[in-house]
N, C-alpha and C. Protein backbone atom coordinates (compact mmCIF):
# COMPACT_ATOMS: atom_id res chain seq x y z
N MET A 1 -3.67 31.52 17.90
CA MET A 1 -3.37 30.47 16.94
C MET A 1 -3.41 29.13 17.67
N ASN A 2 -4.17 28.19 17.11
CA ASN A 2 -4.30 26.86 17.70
C ASN A 2 -3.20 25.94 17.18
N ALA A 3 -2.55 25.26 18.09
CA ALA A 3 -1.52 24.29 17.71
C ALA A 3 -2.18 22.99 17.27
N VAL A 4 -1.63 22.36 16.26
CA VAL A 4 -2.12 21.07 15.80
C VAL A 4 -1.59 20.02 16.76
N PRO A 5 -2.48 19.16 17.30
CA PRO A 5 -2.01 18.14 18.23
C PRO A 5 -1.09 17.13 17.54
N PHE A 6 -0.13 16.63 18.28
CA PHE A 6 0.80 15.64 17.76
C PHE A 6 0.07 14.31 17.58
N ASP A 7 0.22 13.71 16.43
CA ASP A 7 -0.42 12.43 16.12
C ASP A 7 0.65 11.34 16.07
N GLN A 8 0.78 10.59 17.16
CA GLN A 8 1.81 9.55 17.28
C GLN A 8 1.69 8.50 16.18
N ASN A 9 0.46 8.10 15.84
CA ASN A 9 0.26 7.07 14.81
C ASN A 9 0.74 7.56 13.45
N ASN A 10 0.38 8.79 13.11
CA ASN A 10 0.80 9.35 11.83
C ASN A 10 2.32 9.50 11.78
N TYR A 11 2.91 9.91 12.88
CA TYR A 11 4.36 10.06 12.95
C TYR A 11 5.06 8.71 12.72
N ARG A 12 4.57 7.65 13.38
CA ARG A 12 5.17 6.31 13.21
C ARG A 12 5.06 5.85 11.76
N MET A 13 3.88 6.07 11.16
CA MET A 13 3.66 5.66 9.77
C MET A 13 4.62 6.42 8.85
N THR A 14 4.76 7.70 9.06
CA THR A 14 5.65 8.51 8.23
C THR A 14 7.09 8.05 8.37
N GLN A 15 7.50 7.75 9.59
CA GLN A 15 8.88 7.31 9.82
C GLN A 15 9.17 5.97 9.14
N ILE A 16 8.27 5.01 9.26
CA ILE A 16 8.51 3.71 8.64
C ILE A 16 8.43 3.82 7.12
N LEU A 17 7.54 4.65 6.61
CA LEU A 17 7.47 4.87 5.16
C LEU A 17 8.79 5.42 4.62
N LYS A 18 9.31 6.42 5.29
CA LYS A 18 10.58 7.02 4.86
C LYS A 18 11.72 6.00 4.90
N LYS A 19 11.73 5.21 5.96
CA LYS A 19 12.78 4.20 6.14
C LYS A 19 12.71 3.14 5.03
N VAL A 20 11.51 2.64 4.77
CA VAL A 20 11.32 1.61 3.74
C VAL A 20 11.64 2.19 2.36
N SER A 21 11.17 3.40 2.10
CA SER A 21 11.42 4.05 0.82
C SER A 21 12.92 4.20 0.57
N LYS A 22 13.63 4.67 1.56
CA LYS A 22 15.08 4.86 1.44
C LYS A 22 15.78 3.54 1.13
N LYS A 23 15.40 2.48 1.84
CA LYS A 23 16.03 1.18 1.62
C LYS A 23 15.70 0.61 0.24
N LEU A 24 14.45 0.77 -0.19
CA LEU A 24 14.07 0.30 -1.53
C LEU A 24 14.87 1.04 -2.59
N HIS A 25 15.00 2.35 -2.43
CA HIS A 25 15.80 3.16 -3.37
C HIS A 25 17.26 2.69 -3.37
N GLN A 26 17.84 2.54 -2.19
CA GLN A 26 19.25 2.17 -2.07
C GLN A 26 19.55 0.82 -2.71
N LYS A 27 18.62 -0.11 -2.57
CA LYS A 27 18.85 -1.47 -3.07
C LYS A 27 18.22 -1.69 -4.46
N ASN A 28 17.66 -0.60 -5.01
CA ASN A 28 17.06 -0.64 -6.35
C ASN A 28 16.00 -1.75 -6.46
N LEU A 29 15.11 -1.78 -5.46
CA LEU A 29 14.05 -2.79 -5.40
C LEU A 29 12.70 -2.17 -5.72
N LEU A 30 11.84 -2.97 -6.33
CA LEU A 30 10.47 -2.57 -6.63
C LEU A 30 9.50 -3.38 -5.78
N LEU A 31 8.48 -2.73 -5.29
CA LEU A 31 7.46 -3.35 -4.46
C LEU A 31 6.14 -3.41 -5.22
N VAL A 32 5.37 -4.46 -4.98
CA VAL A 32 4.01 -4.57 -5.49
C VAL A 32 3.12 -4.96 -4.31
N SER A 33 1.89 -4.44 -4.29
CA SER A 33 0.96 -4.80 -3.23
C SER A 33 -0.28 -5.47 -3.81
N ALA A 34 -0.84 -6.38 -3.01
CA ALA A 34 -2.12 -7.02 -3.31
C ALA A 34 -2.95 -6.85 -2.05
N GLU A 35 -3.94 -5.99 -2.11
CA GLU A 35 -4.68 -5.60 -0.91
C GLU A 35 -6.15 -5.96 -1.01
N SER A 36 -6.66 -6.45 0.09
CA SER A 36 -8.09 -6.72 0.21
C SER A 36 -8.67 -5.77 1.26
N CYS A 37 -8.55 -6.11 2.53
CA CYS A 37 -9.22 -5.31 3.58
C CYS A 37 -8.68 -3.89 3.68
N THR A 38 -7.45 -3.65 3.24
CA THR A 38 -6.89 -2.30 3.31
C THR A 38 -7.27 -1.46 2.09
N GLY A 39 -7.86 -2.06 1.08
CA GLY A 39 -8.44 -1.34 -0.03
C GLY A 39 -7.51 -0.36 -0.75
N GLY A 40 -6.23 -0.64 -0.79
CA GLY A 40 -5.29 0.24 -1.47
C GLY A 40 -4.61 1.24 -0.55
N LEU A 41 -4.86 1.14 0.73
CA LEU A 41 -4.27 2.09 1.68
C LEU A 41 -2.74 2.01 1.70
N LEU A 42 -2.19 0.82 1.61
CA LEU A 42 -0.74 0.68 1.56
C LEU A 42 -0.19 1.36 0.31
N ALA A 43 -0.80 1.09 -0.84
CA ALA A 43 -0.36 1.73 -2.08
C ALA A 43 -0.46 3.24 -1.99
N LYS A 44 -1.52 3.74 -1.38
CA LYS A 44 -1.70 5.18 -1.22
C LYS A 44 -0.59 5.77 -0.37
N GLN A 45 -0.30 5.13 0.76
CA GLN A 45 0.73 5.64 1.65
C GLN A 45 2.08 5.71 0.93
N ILE A 46 2.41 4.68 0.19
CA ILE A 46 3.69 4.66 -0.52
C ILE A 46 3.72 5.72 -1.62
N THR A 47 2.64 5.80 -2.39
CA THR A 47 2.64 6.74 -3.52
C THR A 47 2.44 8.18 -3.08
N ASP A 48 2.14 8.42 -1.83
CA ASP A 48 2.12 9.79 -1.31
C ASP A 48 3.54 10.36 -1.24
N LEU A 49 4.54 9.49 -1.23
CA LEU A 49 5.93 9.92 -1.16
C LEU A 49 6.44 10.33 -2.53
N SER A 50 7.15 11.42 -2.58
CA SER A 50 7.81 11.86 -3.80
C SER A 50 8.86 10.82 -4.18
N GLY A 51 8.94 10.49 -5.46
CA GLY A 51 9.92 9.51 -5.92
C GLY A 51 9.46 8.08 -5.82
N SER A 52 8.20 7.86 -5.46
CA SER A 52 7.72 6.49 -5.25
C SER A 52 7.66 5.68 -6.54
N SER A 53 7.64 6.32 -7.69
CA SER A 53 7.58 5.55 -8.94
C SER A 53 8.84 4.70 -9.14
N ALA A 54 9.92 5.05 -8.46
CA ALA A 54 11.15 4.27 -8.56
C ALA A 54 11.14 3.04 -7.66
N ILE A 55 10.19 2.96 -6.73
CA ILE A 55 10.19 1.85 -5.76
C ILE A 55 8.87 1.08 -5.72
N PHE A 56 7.83 1.61 -6.39
CA PHE A 56 6.52 0.96 -6.33
C PHE A 56 6.04 0.69 -7.75
N ASP A 57 5.89 -0.59 -8.09
CA ASP A 57 5.50 -0.96 -9.44
C ASP A 57 4.00 -0.81 -9.66
N ARG A 58 3.21 -1.40 -8.79
CA ARG A 58 1.75 -1.35 -8.94
C ARG A 58 1.09 -1.92 -7.70
N GLY A 59 -0.22 -1.68 -7.62
CA GLY A 59 -1.01 -2.24 -6.53
C GLY A 59 -2.27 -2.89 -7.08
N PHE A 60 -2.57 -4.05 -6.55
CA PHE A 60 -3.80 -4.76 -6.90
C PHE A 60 -4.76 -4.61 -5.73
N ILE A 61 -5.94 -4.08 -5.98
CA ILE A 61 -6.98 -4.06 -4.95
C ILE A 61 -7.95 -5.17 -5.32
N THR A 62 -7.85 -6.25 -4.58
CA THR A 62 -8.63 -7.45 -4.88
C THR A 62 -9.55 -7.72 -3.69
N TYR A 63 -10.60 -6.94 -3.62
CA TYR A 63 -11.51 -7.00 -2.48
C TYR A 63 -12.41 -8.23 -2.56
N SER A 64 -12.89 -8.54 -3.75
CA SER A 64 -13.78 -9.70 -3.90
C SER A 64 -12.98 -10.97 -4.16
N ASN A 65 -13.60 -12.09 -3.90
CA ASN A 65 -12.96 -13.38 -4.19
C ASN A 65 -12.72 -13.53 -5.69
N ASP A 66 -13.68 -13.08 -6.51
CA ASP A 66 -13.52 -13.16 -7.96
C ASP A 66 -12.30 -12.37 -8.42
N SER A 67 -12.09 -11.20 -7.85
CA SER A 67 -10.94 -10.39 -8.27
C SER A 67 -9.62 -11.05 -7.85
N LYS A 68 -9.61 -11.70 -6.72
CA LYS A 68 -8.41 -12.43 -6.30
C LYS A 68 -8.09 -13.53 -7.32
N GLN A 69 -9.13 -14.20 -7.79
CA GLN A 69 -8.93 -15.27 -8.78
C GLN A 69 -8.56 -14.69 -10.14
N ASP A 70 -9.27 -13.66 -10.59
CA ASP A 70 -9.04 -13.09 -11.92
C ASP A 70 -7.69 -12.39 -12.04
N MET A 71 -7.37 -11.55 -11.08
CA MET A 71 -6.18 -10.70 -11.20
C MET A 71 -4.91 -11.36 -10.69
N LEU A 72 -5.04 -12.21 -9.67
CA LEU A 72 -3.85 -12.76 -9.01
C LEU A 72 -3.74 -14.27 -9.16
N LYS A 73 -4.73 -14.88 -9.78
CA LYS A 73 -4.75 -16.33 -10.00
C LYS A 73 -4.79 -17.14 -8.71
N VAL A 74 -5.43 -16.58 -7.68
CA VAL A 74 -5.68 -17.35 -6.46
C VAL A 74 -6.65 -18.47 -6.84
N GLN A 75 -6.37 -19.67 -6.40
CA GLN A 75 -7.20 -20.81 -6.75
C GLN A 75 -8.53 -20.79 -6.00
N LYS A 76 -9.60 -21.08 -6.72
CA LYS A 76 -10.93 -21.11 -6.12
C LYS A 76 -10.97 -22.11 -4.96
N ASN A 77 -10.32 -23.26 -5.14
CA ASN A 77 -10.34 -24.27 -4.07
C ASN A 77 -9.59 -23.79 -2.83
N THR A 78 -8.62 -22.90 -2.97
CA THR A 78 -7.93 -22.34 -1.81
C THR A 78 -8.88 -21.43 -1.04
N ILE A 79 -9.60 -20.58 -1.76
CA ILE A 79 -10.57 -19.69 -1.12
C ILE A 79 -11.68 -20.50 -0.48
N ASP A 80 -12.21 -21.49 -1.21
CA ASP A 80 -13.29 -22.32 -0.68
C ASP A 80 -12.84 -23.12 0.54
N GLY A 81 -11.61 -23.59 0.52
CA GLY A 81 -11.12 -24.44 1.60
C GLY A 81 -10.68 -23.69 2.84
N TYR A 82 -10.12 -22.51 2.66
CA TYR A 82 -9.54 -21.78 3.79
C TYR A 82 -10.23 -20.45 4.09
N GLY A 83 -10.97 -19.92 3.11
CA GLY A 83 -11.58 -18.61 3.25
C GLY A 83 -10.64 -17.52 2.76
N ALA A 84 -11.21 -16.40 2.36
CA ALA A 84 -10.42 -15.29 1.81
C ALA A 84 -9.43 -14.74 2.84
N VAL A 85 -9.82 -14.79 4.10
CA VAL A 85 -8.94 -14.32 5.17
C VAL A 85 -8.20 -15.55 5.72
N SER A 86 -7.07 -15.85 5.08
CA SER A 86 -6.28 -17.01 5.47
C SER A 86 -4.86 -16.84 4.96
N GLU A 87 -3.94 -17.52 5.62
CA GLU A 87 -2.56 -17.47 5.18
C GLU A 87 -2.40 -18.15 3.82
N ALA A 88 -3.18 -19.18 3.56
CA ALA A 88 -3.10 -19.86 2.26
C ALA A 88 -3.45 -18.90 1.12
N VAL A 89 -4.48 -18.09 1.32
CA VAL A 89 -4.90 -17.15 0.28
C VAL A 89 -3.88 -16.02 0.11
N VAL A 90 -3.38 -15.45 1.21
CA VAL A 90 -2.42 -14.34 1.04
C VAL A 90 -1.11 -14.81 0.42
N LEU A 91 -0.74 -16.06 0.64
CA LEU A 91 0.46 -16.58 -0.02
C LEU A 91 0.25 -16.63 -1.53
N GLU A 92 -0.93 -17.07 -1.95
CA GLU A 92 -1.23 -17.10 -3.39
C GLU A 92 -1.37 -15.68 -3.94
N MET A 93 -1.93 -14.76 -3.14
CA MET A 93 -2.03 -13.36 -3.57
C MET A 93 -0.64 -12.76 -3.77
N ALA A 94 0.25 -13.01 -2.83
CA ALA A 94 1.61 -12.46 -2.91
C ALA A 94 2.34 -13.02 -4.14
N GLN A 95 2.19 -14.31 -4.37
CA GLN A 95 2.83 -14.93 -5.54
C GLN A 95 2.23 -14.38 -6.83
N GLY A 96 0.90 -14.26 -6.87
CA GLY A 96 0.23 -13.72 -8.05
C GLY A 96 0.63 -12.29 -8.35
N ALA A 97 0.76 -11.48 -7.31
CA ALA A 97 1.17 -10.08 -7.51
C ALA A 97 2.58 -10.02 -8.07
N LEU A 98 3.46 -10.86 -7.56
CA LEU A 98 4.83 -10.89 -8.06
C LEU A 98 4.87 -11.37 -9.51
N ASN A 99 4.07 -12.38 -9.83
CA ASN A 99 4.03 -12.92 -11.19
C ASN A 99 3.46 -11.94 -12.20
N HIS A 100 2.60 -11.03 -11.75
CA HIS A 100 1.93 -10.09 -12.65
C HIS A 100 2.48 -8.67 -12.50
N SER A 101 3.75 -8.58 -12.16
CA SER A 101 4.38 -7.26 -12.01
C SER A 101 5.86 -7.35 -12.35
N ASN A 102 6.52 -6.22 -12.25
CA ASN A 102 7.97 -6.17 -12.45
C ASN A 102 8.69 -6.07 -11.11
N ALA A 103 7.99 -6.32 -10.03
CA ALA A 103 8.53 -6.11 -8.68
C ALA A 103 9.46 -7.23 -8.24
N ASN A 104 10.26 -6.90 -7.22
CA ASN A 104 11.14 -7.87 -6.58
C ASN A 104 10.53 -8.41 -5.29
N ILE A 105 9.66 -7.60 -4.68
CA ILE A 105 9.05 -7.94 -3.39
C ILE A 105 7.55 -7.68 -3.48
N SER A 106 6.76 -8.63 -2.99
CA SER A 106 5.31 -8.42 -2.93
C SER A 106 4.82 -8.53 -1.50
N VAL A 107 3.71 -7.84 -1.27
CA VAL A 107 3.01 -7.93 0.01
C VAL A 107 1.54 -8.12 -0.30
N ALA A 108 0.90 -9.03 0.43
CA ALA A 108 -0.54 -9.27 0.29
C ALA A 108 -1.19 -9.14 1.66
N ILE A 109 -2.37 -8.53 1.67
CA ILE A 109 -3.08 -8.29 2.93
C ILE A 109 -4.55 -8.66 2.75
N SER A 110 -5.07 -9.48 3.65
CA SER A 110 -6.48 -9.83 3.67
C SER A 110 -6.91 -9.99 5.13
N GLY A 111 -8.03 -9.39 5.49
CA GLY A 111 -8.45 -9.47 6.88
C GLY A 111 -9.88 -9.08 7.10
N VAL A 112 -10.23 -9.03 8.37
CA VAL A 112 -11.58 -8.64 8.80
C VAL A 112 -11.43 -7.30 9.54
N ALA A 113 -11.74 -6.22 8.83
CA ALA A 113 -11.56 -4.88 9.40
C ALA A 113 -12.76 -4.43 10.23
N GLY A 114 -13.89 -5.09 10.08
CA GLY A 114 -15.06 -4.77 10.89
C GLY A 114 -15.81 -3.54 10.40
N PRO A 115 -16.77 -3.12 11.15
CA PRO A 115 -17.15 -3.64 12.46
C PRO A 115 -17.91 -4.97 12.38
N ASP A 116 -18.37 -5.34 11.18
CA ASP A 116 -19.09 -6.60 11.00
C ASP A 116 -18.17 -7.61 10.33
N GLY A 117 -18.66 -8.83 10.22
CA GLY A 117 -17.95 -9.85 9.46
C GLY A 117 -17.10 -10.79 10.28
N GLY A 118 -16.87 -10.49 11.53
CA GLY A 118 -16.04 -11.36 12.35
C GLY A 118 -16.77 -12.61 12.80
N THR A 119 -16.00 -13.65 13.03
CA THR A 119 -16.52 -14.91 13.57
C THR A 119 -15.61 -15.31 14.73
N LYS A 120 -15.98 -16.40 15.40
CA LYS A 120 -15.15 -16.91 16.48
C LYS A 120 -13.77 -17.30 15.95
N GLU A 121 -13.73 -17.93 14.78
CA GLU A 121 -12.48 -18.39 14.19
C GLU A 121 -11.70 -17.24 13.56
N LYS A 122 -12.42 -16.26 13.03
CA LYS A 122 -11.79 -15.12 12.35
C LYS A 122 -12.43 -13.84 12.87
N PRO A 123 -11.96 -13.38 14.02
CA PRO A 123 -12.57 -12.21 14.65
C PRO A 123 -12.23 -10.91 13.92
N VAL A 124 -13.04 -9.89 14.20
CA VAL A 124 -12.73 -8.55 13.70
C VAL A 124 -11.33 -8.20 14.22
N GLY A 125 -10.50 -7.71 13.32
CA GLY A 125 -9.12 -7.36 13.67
C GLY A 125 -8.10 -8.37 13.19
N MET A 126 -8.57 -9.56 12.76
CA MET A 126 -7.65 -10.58 12.25
C MET A 126 -7.23 -10.20 10.83
N VAL A 127 -5.92 -10.12 10.62
CA VAL A 127 -5.38 -9.78 9.31
C VAL A 127 -4.25 -10.74 8.97
N CYS A 128 -4.32 -11.30 7.77
CA CYS A 128 -3.28 -12.20 7.27
C CYS A 128 -2.42 -11.45 6.26
N PHE A 129 -1.11 -11.72 6.33
CA PHE A 129 -0.14 -11.08 5.47
C PHE A 129 0.66 -12.15 4.74
N GLY A 130 0.94 -11.89 3.48
CA GLY A 130 1.82 -12.74 2.70
C GLY A 130 2.91 -11.88 2.10
N PHE A 131 4.14 -12.38 2.12
CA PHE A 131 5.28 -11.66 1.55
C PHE A 131 6.04 -12.62 0.66
N GLN A 132 6.48 -12.12 -0.48
CA GLN A 132 7.23 -12.96 -1.41
C GLN A 132 8.34 -12.12 -2.04
N GLN A 133 9.53 -12.66 -2.04
CA GLN A 133 10.66 -12.08 -2.77
C GLN A 133 10.96 -12.99 -3.94
N LYS A 134 11.34 -12.39 -5.06
CA LYS A 134 11.73 -13.22 -6.19
C LYS A 134 12.85 -14.15 -5.77
N GLY A 135 12.68 -15.42 -6.08
CA GLY A 135 13.71 -16.40 -5.81
C GLY A 135 13.75 -16.93 -4.38
N LYS A 136 12.82 -16.50 -3.55
CA LYS A 136 12.82 -16.97 -2.16
C LYS A 136 11.45 -17.55 -1.80
N SER A 137 11.42 -18.32 -0.73
CA SER A 137 10.16 -18.90 -0.27
C SER A 137 9.26 -17.80 0.32
N PRO A 138 7.97 -17.91 0.07
CA PRO A 138 7.05 -16.92 0.64
C PRO A 138 6.89 -17.13 2.14
N ILE A 139 6.48 -16.08 2.81
CA ILE A 139 6.17 -16.18 4.23
C ILE A 139 4.78 -15.62 4.48
N SER A 140 4.13 -16.14 5.50
CA SER A 140 2.82 -15.64 5.89
C SER A 140 2.78 -15.43 7.39
N ILE A 141 1.97 -14.46 7.78
CA ILE A 141 1.85 -14.08 9.19
C ILE A 141 0.40 -13.66 9.42
N THR A 142 -0.14 -14.02 10.57
CA THR A 142 -1.46 -13.55 10.96
C THR A 142 -1.35 -12.75 12.24
N LYS A 143 -1.99 -11.61 12.25
CA LYS A 143 -1.98 -10.72 13.43
C LYS A 143 -3.43 -10.37 13.78
N ILE A 144 -3.63 -10.01 15.04
CA ILE A 144 -4.92 -9.50 15.50
C ILE A 144 -4.68 -8.06 15.97
N PHE A 145 -5.41 -7.13 15.38
CA PHE A 145 -5.32 -5.72 15.74
C PHE A 145 -6.60 -5.29 16.43
N ASN A 146 -6.47 -4.35 17.34
CA ASN A 146 -7.61 -3.81 18.06
C ASN A 146 -8.02 -2.46 17.49
N GLY A 147 -9.27 -2.09 17.75
CA GLY A 147 -9.73 -0.77 17.36
C GLY A 147 -10.86 -0.84 16.35
N ASP A 148 -11.22 0.34 15.85
CA ASP A 148 -12.28 0.42 14.85
C ASP A 148 -11.70 0.10 13.46
N ARG A 149 -12.53 0.18 12.45
CA ARG A 149 -12.14 -0.18 11.09
C ARG A 149 -10.90 0.60 10.62
N ASP A 150 -10.90 1.91 10.84
CA ASP A 150 -9.75 2.72 10.42
C ASP A 150 -8.48 2.32 11.15
N LYS A 151 -8.60 2.09 12.43
CA LYS A 151 -7.42 1.73 13.25
C LYS A 151 -6.87 0.38 12.80
N ILE A 152 -7.74 -0.57 12.55
CA ILE A 152 -7.30 -1.91 12.11
C ILE A 152 -6.61 -1.81 10.76
N ARG A 153 -7.18 -1.07 9.84
CA ARG A 153 -6.58 -0.94 8.51
C ARG A 153 -5.23 -0.22 8.57
N ASN A 154 -5.16 0.85 9.34
CA ASN A 154 -3.90 1.58 9.48
C ASN A 154 -2.84 0.73 10.18
N SER A 155 -3.26 -0.02 11.19
CA SER A 155 -2.33 -0.92 11.88
C SER A 155 -1.80 -1.98 10.93
N ALA A 156 -2.66 -2.49 10.06
CA ALA A 156 -2.24 -3.51 9.09
C ALA A 156 -1.21 -2.94 8.13
N VAL A 157 -1.42 -1.73 7.66
CA VAL A 157 -0.47 -1.10 6.74
C VAL A 157 0.86 -0.86 7.44
N GLU A 158 0.81 -0.35 8.65
CA GLU A 158 2.04 -0.09 9.40
C GLU A 158 2.81 -1.40 9.63
N TYR A 159 2.09 -2.45 10.01
CA TYR A 159 2.75 -3.73 10.23
C TYR A 159 3.37 -4.25 8.93
N ALA A 160 2.65 -4.16 7.83
CA ALA A 160 3.18 -4.62 6.54
C ALA A 160 4.47 -3.88 6.20
N LEU A 161 4.50 -2.59 6.43
CA LEU A 161 5.71 -1.81 6.15
C LEU A 161 6.87 -2.23 7.05
N GLN A 162 6.57 -2.53 8.31
CA GLN A 162 7.62 -3.00 9.22
C GLN A 162 8.21 -4.33 8.75
N GLU A 163 7.35 -5.21 8.25
CA GLU A 163 7.82 -6.50 7.75
C GLU A 163 8.62 -6.33 6.46
N ILE A 164 8.16 -5.43 5.59
CA ILE A 164 8.91 -5.16 4.36
C ILE A 164 10.30 -4.64 4.72
N ASP A 165 10.37 -3.77 5.70
CA ASP A 165 11.65 -3.25 6.17
C ASP A 165 12.56 -4.39 6.62
N ARG A 166 12.00 -5.32 7.37
CA ARG A 166 12.77 -6.46 7.87
C ARG A 166 13.24 -7.35 6.70
N ILE A 167 12.37 -7.56 5.73
CA ILE A 167 12.69 -8.39 4.57
C ILE A 167 13.81 -7.76 3.75
N ILE A 168 13.75 -6.46 3.56
CA ILE A 168 14.80 -5.76 2.80
C ILE A 168 16.15 -5.95 3.48
N ASP A 169 16.16 -5.87 4.80
CA ASP A 169 17.41 -6.04 5.56
C ASP A 169 18.00 -7.44 5.39
N GLN A 170 17.16 -8.42 5.11
CA GLN A 170 17.62 -9.80 4.94
C GLN A 170 18.13 -10.04 3.52
N LYS A 171 17.80 -9.20 2.60
CA LYS A 171 18.14 -9.39 1.18
C LYS A 171 19.62 -9.27 0.94
């Protein structure tokens, strides 16, 4: 019988998911996601958990610029001025997701997952995050992750969950 190798990344993701889920349940909070480069991966990870309907309202997959404008009301001039991968855009995505849901907390993710599409200013691995709580000022963060497309996307989801965990603790 062959043993399944231990997957440290999967273990970390599972642990943070359980932690965030428990805190959302305890505080009776709903989460909404607005995802671009992760293509719904955050929503998938959350909804893989039993009982997630009590903590996850909905997810917006807004991969194109048009979808960001149509679904989340991101301003065209924001996209034109800063680019889809920018803190300005994820802040508008996070606000739009909150405005178009029943959630208390939103997370927005936009980045360059590669292997193509990177530039000197916005390299492959650059991911911008926006977080918004009802009644509070939004926050944005930009991170650079290493690895291939899957690694970058998984790292972005894990980081978003860590930040959501931190935000819940501040509530």
